[in-house]
Amino acid sequence: MKTVLEYDETVDALYLEFASRTVASHVQLDDARGVDYAADGSVVGVEILSASRGIDLAGLPNGPDIERVLRARGFPIGRAAQAS
């Protein structure tokens, strides 16, 4: 499946969907990032809050895919971009 990005500008949140599957669990990595998993442990999607401030890819599953999609859409990448 192609990675699908949904962005809600009103709340500055984005969701990257990797698989159209039922979410069995959610792991919150920090205040701005969470990962949804299917029952078999595969990644369903990644949620990122305050996306326009910059996105820390460290520790996110599917990092290269996430970076490719976000750069193509013009989102800032990296911790330095988050400092404001």
N, C-alpha and C. Protein backbone atom coordinates (compact mmCIF):
# COMPACT_ATOMS: atom_id res chain seq x y z
N MET A 1 0.84 -1.19 0.00
CA MET A 1 0.00 0.00 0.00
C MET A 1 0.88 1.24 0.00
N LYS A 2 0.46 2.21 -0.71
CA LYS A 2 1.14 3.50 -0.75
C LYS A 2 0.89 4.24 0.56
N THR A 3 1.90 4.96 1.04
CA THR A 3 1.74 5.76 2.25
C THR A 3 0.79 6.91 1.97
N VAL A 4 -0.23 7.06 2.82
CA VAL A 4 -1.22 8.12 2.66
C VAL A 4 -1.01 9.13 3.78
N LEU A 5 -0.92 10.41 3.42
CA LEU A 5 -0.75 11.48 4.40
C LEU A 5 -2.03 12.29 4.48
N GLU A 6 -2.53 12.44 5.70
CA GLU A 6 -3.67 13.32 5.95
C GLU A 6 -3.19 14.41 6.88
N TYR A 7 -3.43 15.68 6.52
CA TYR A 7 -2.99 16.80 7.35
C TYR A 7 -4.17 17.70 7.65
N ASP A 8 -4.35 18.02 8.93
CA ASP A 8 -5.39 18.94 9.38
C ASP A 8 -4.71 20.23 9.82
N GLU A 9 -4.76 21.22 8.97
CA GLU A 9 -4.08 22.49 9.23
C GLU A 9 -4.66 23.21 10.44
N THR A 10 -5.94 23.04 10.72
CA THR A 10 -6.56 23.76 11.83
C THR A 10 -5.99 23.35 13.18
N VAL A 11 -5.55 22.10 13.31
CA VAL A 11 -4.96 21.64 14.56
C VAL A 11 -3.48 21.28 14.40
N ASP A 12 -2.93 21.49 13.18
CA ASP A 12 -1.52 21.23 12.87
C ASP A 12 -1.13 19.79 13.23
N ALA A 13 -1.95 18.85 12.77
CA ALA A 13 -1.70 17.44 13.04
C ALA A 13 -1.73 16.66 11.73
N LEU A 14 -0.85 15.67 11.64
CA LEU A 14 -0.86 14.83 10.45
C LEU A 14 -0.87 13.37 10.85
N TYR A 15 -1.36 12.57 9.92
CA TYR A 15 -1.39 11.12 10.11
C TYR A 15 -0.89 10.48 8.83
N LEU A 16 0.08 9.61 8.98
CA LEU A 16 0.61 8.84 7.85
C LEU A 16 0.10 7.42 8.00
N GLU A 17 -0.66 6.97 7.02
CA GLU A 17 -1.20 5.61 7.06
C GLU A 17 -0.37 4.72 6.14
N PHE A 18 0.11 3.61 6.70
CA PHE A 18 0.92 2.65 5.95
C PHE A 18 0.14 1.42 5.53
N ALA A 19 -0.92 1.13 6.26
CA ALA A 19 -1.73 -0.06 5.97
C ALA A 19 -3.18 0.23 6.37
N SER A 20 -4.09 -0.20 5.53
CA SER A 20 -5.51 -0.03 5.82
C SER A 20 -5.97 -1.23 6.66
N ARG A 21 -5.64 -1.15 7.96
CA ARG A 21 -5.94 -2.26 8.87
C ARG A 21 -6.52 -1.70 10.16
N THR A 22 -7.10 -2.58 10.94
CA THR A 22 -7.65 -2.18 12.24
C THR A 22 -6.51 -1.93 13.22
N VAL A 23 -6.61 -0.82 13.95
CA VAL A 23 -5.62 -0.49 14.97
C VAL A 23 -5.92 -1.29 16.22
N ALA A 24 -4.90 -2.04 16.69
CA ALA A 24 -5.06 -2.86 17.90
C ALA A 24 -4.43 -2.18 19.11
N SER A 25 -3.40 -1.34 18.86
CA SER A 25 -2.75 -0.65 19.98
C SER A 25 -2.12 0.64 19.49
N HIS A 26 -1.95 1.56 20.43
CA HIS A 26 -1.33 2.86 20.15
C HIS A 26 -0.21 3.07 21.15
N VAL A 27 0.97 3.44 20.66
CA VAL A 27 2.11 3.74 21.53
C VAL A 27 2.45 5.21 21.36
N GLN A 28 2.37 5.96 22.46
CA GLN A 28 2.71 7.38 22.44
C GLN A 28 4.21 7.50 22.69
N LEU A 29 4.96 7.99 21.70
CA LEU A 29 6.41 8.11 21.82
C LEU A 29 6.81 9.33 22.65
N ASP A 30 6.07 10.41 22.51
CA ASP A 30 6.29 11.64 23.27
C ASP A 30 5.04 12.49 23.10
N ASP A 31 5.10 13.76 23.50
CA ASP A 31 3.91 14.62 23.43
C ASP A 31 3.42 14.87 22.00
N ALA A 32 4.29 14.70 21.01
CA ALA A 32 3.92 15.05 19.64
C ALA A 32 3.83 13.86 18.68
N ARG A 33 4.21 12.66 19.11
CA ARG A 33 4.29 11.54 18.17
C ARG A 33 3.72 10.26 18.77
N GLY A 34 2.93 9.57 17.95
CA GLY A 34 2.37 8.29 18.36
C GLY A 34 2.33 7.33 17.18
N VAL A 35 2.34 6.04 17.49
CA VAL A 35 2.35 5.01 16.46
C VAL A 35 1.20 4.04 16.72
N ASP A 36 0.44 3.74 15.66
CA ASP A 36 -0.64 2.76 15.73
C ASP A 36 -0.16 1.44 15.14
N TYR A 37 -0.50 0.35 15.84
CA TYR A 37 -0.08 -0.99 15.43
C TYR A 37 -1.30 -1.89 15.22
N ALA A 38 -1.18 -2.82 14.28
CA ALA A 38 -2.19 -3.86 14.08
C ALA A 38 -1.94 -4.98 15.10
N ALA A 39 -2.84 -5.92 15.19
CA ALA A 39 -2.72 -7.02 16.15
C ALA A 39 -1.46 -7.85 15.93
N ASP A 40 -0.99 -7.94 14.67
CA ASP A 40 0.22 -8.72 14.40
C ASP A 40 1.52 -7.95 14.62
N GLY A 41 1.40 -6.71 15.10
CA GLY A 41 2.58 -5.89 15.39
C GLY A 41 3.05 -5.02 14.24
N SER A 42 2.41 -5.13 13.09
CA SER A 42 2.81 -4.29 11.97
C SER A 42 2.29 -2.86 12.18
N VAL A 43 3.00 -1.90 11.60
CA VAL A 43 2.66 -0.49 11.75
C VAL A 43 1.48 -0.15 10.84
N VAL A 44 0.45 0.42 11.44
CA VAL A 44 -0.71 0.89 10.68
C VAL A 44 -0.49 2.34 10.28
N GLY A 45 -0.04 3.17 11.25
CA GLY A 45 0.14 4.58 10.95
C GLY A 45 0.89 5.31 12.04
N VAL A 46 1.25 6.55 11.72
CA VAL A 46 1.99 7.40 12.64
C VAL A 46 1.27 8.75 12.72
N GLU A 47 1.04 9.22 13.94
CA GLU A 47 0.41 10.52 14.18
C GLU A 47 1.47 11.50 14.65
N ILE A 48 1.45 12.71 14.08
CA ILE A 48 2.41 13.75 14.47
C ILE A 48 1.65 15.04 14.71
N LEU A 49 1.82 15.59 15.91
CA LEU A 49 1.20 16.86 16.28
C LEU A 49 2.21 17.99 16.10
N SER A 50 1.73 19.20 15.92
CA SER A 50 2.58 20.38 15.70
C SER A 50 3.53 20.15 14.53
N ALA A 51 3.02 19.57 13.48
CA ALA A 51 3.83 19.16 12.34
C ALA A 51 4.55 20.32 11.66
N SER A 52 3.95 21.50 11.64
CA SER A 52 4.56 22.63 10.94
C SER A 52 5.80 23.16 11.67
N ARG A 53 5.99 22.77 12.91
CA ARG A 53 7.15 23.21 13.69
C ARG A 53 8.39 22.38 13.41
N GLY A 54 8.20 21.23 12.82
CA GLY A 54 9.32 20.33 12.55
C GLY A 54 9.03 18.96 13.09
N ILE A 55 9.54 17.96 12.41
CA ILE A 55 9.22 16.58 12.76
C ILE A 55 10.50 15.82 13.08
N ASP A 56 10.55 15.31 14.29
CA ASP A 56 11.67 14.50 14.75
C ASP A 56 11.43 13.06 14.29
N LEU A 57 12.26 12.57 13.39
CA LEU A 57 12.09 11.22 12.87
C LEU A 57 12.72 10.15 13.75
N ALA A 58 13.51 10.54 14.73
CA ALA A 58 14.20 9.58 15.59
C ALA A 58 13.20 8.65 16.28
N GLY A 59 13.41 7.36 16.13
CA GLY A 59 12.58 6.37 16.80
C GLY A 59 11.28 6.05 16.10
N LEU A 60 10.98 6.72 14.98
CA LEU A 60 9.76 6.40 14.26
C LEU A 60 9.97 5.21 13.33
N PRO A 61 9.02 4.29 13.30
CA PRO A 61 9.13 3.18 12.34
C PRO A 61 8.92 3.72 10.93
N ASN A 62 9.49 3.03 9.96
CA ASN A 62 9.34 3.42 8.55
C ASN A 62 9.92 4.81 8.28
N GLY A 63 10.98 5.16 9.01
CA GLY A 63 11.59 6.48 8.91
C GLY A 63 11.87 6.97 7.49
N PRO A 64 12.52 6.16 6.64
CA PRO A 64 12.79 6.63 5.27
C PRO A 64 11.52 6.94 4.48
N ASP A 65 10.48 6.13 4.65
CA ASP A 65 9.21 6.38 3.96
C ASP A 65 8.58 7.67 4.48
N ILE A 66 8.60 7.85 5.79
CA ILE A 66 8.04 9.06 6.39
C ILE A 66 8.78 10.29 5.89
N GLU A 67 10.10 10.24 5.92
CA GLU A 67 10.89 11.39 5.48
C GLU A 67 10.60 11.73 4.02
N ARG A 68 10.54 10.73 3.17
CA ARG A 68 10.27 10.96 1.74
C ARG A 68 8.94 11.66 1.53
N VAL A 69 7.91 11.18 2.20
CA VAL A 69 6.57 11.75 2.04
C VAL A 69 6.51 13.17 2.59
N LEU A 70 7.11 13.37 3.77
CA LEU A 70 7.05 14.69 4.40
C LEU A 70 7.84 15.73 3.61
N ARG A 71 9.01 15.37 3.14
CA ARG A 71 9.81 16.32 2.34
C ARG A 71 9.08 16.68 1.05
N ALA A 72 8.43 15.71 0.44
CA ALA A 72 7.68 15.98 -0.80
C ALA A 72 6.54 16.97 -0.56
N ARG A 73 6.00 16.97 0.66
CA ARG A 73 4.91 17.89 1.01
C ARG A 73 5.40 19.17 1.66
N GLY A 74 6.73 19.30 1.87
CA GLY A 74 7.30 20.54 2.39
C GLY A 74 7.31 20.70 3.90
N PHE A 75 7.12 19.61 4.64
CA PHE A 75 7.16 19.69 6.10
C PHE A 75 8.61 19.73 6.57
N PRO A 76 8.92 20.57 7.58
CA PRO A 76 10.29 20.62 8.10
C PRO A 76 10.62 19.36 8.88
N ILE A 77 11.85 18.88 8.72
CA ILE A 77 12.31 17.66 9.37
C ILE A 77 13.41 18.00 10.38
N GLY A 78 13.37 17.36 11.55
CA GLY A 78 14.44 17.45 12.52
C GLY A 78 14.08 18.22 13.78
N ARG A 79 14.84 17.90 14.83
CA ARG A 79 14.61 18.55 16.13
C ARG A 79 14.83 20.05 16.09
N ALA A 80 15.84 20.49 15.35
CA ALA A 80 16.16 21.93 15.30
C ALA A 80 14.95 22.73 14.83
N ALA A 81 14.18 22.16 13.94
CA ALA A 81 13.01 22.85 13.43
C ALA A 81 11.93 22.99 14.49
N GLN A 82 11.96 22.11 15.53
CA GLN A 82 10.93 22.15 16.56
C GLN A 82 11.18 23.24 17.57
N ALA A 83 12.40 23.68 17.74
CA ALA A 83 12.69 24.70 18.73
C ALA A 83 12.15 26.03 18.25
N SER A 84 11.30 26.64 19.06
CA SER A 84 10.76 27.96 18.71
C SER A 84 10.24 28.65 19.94
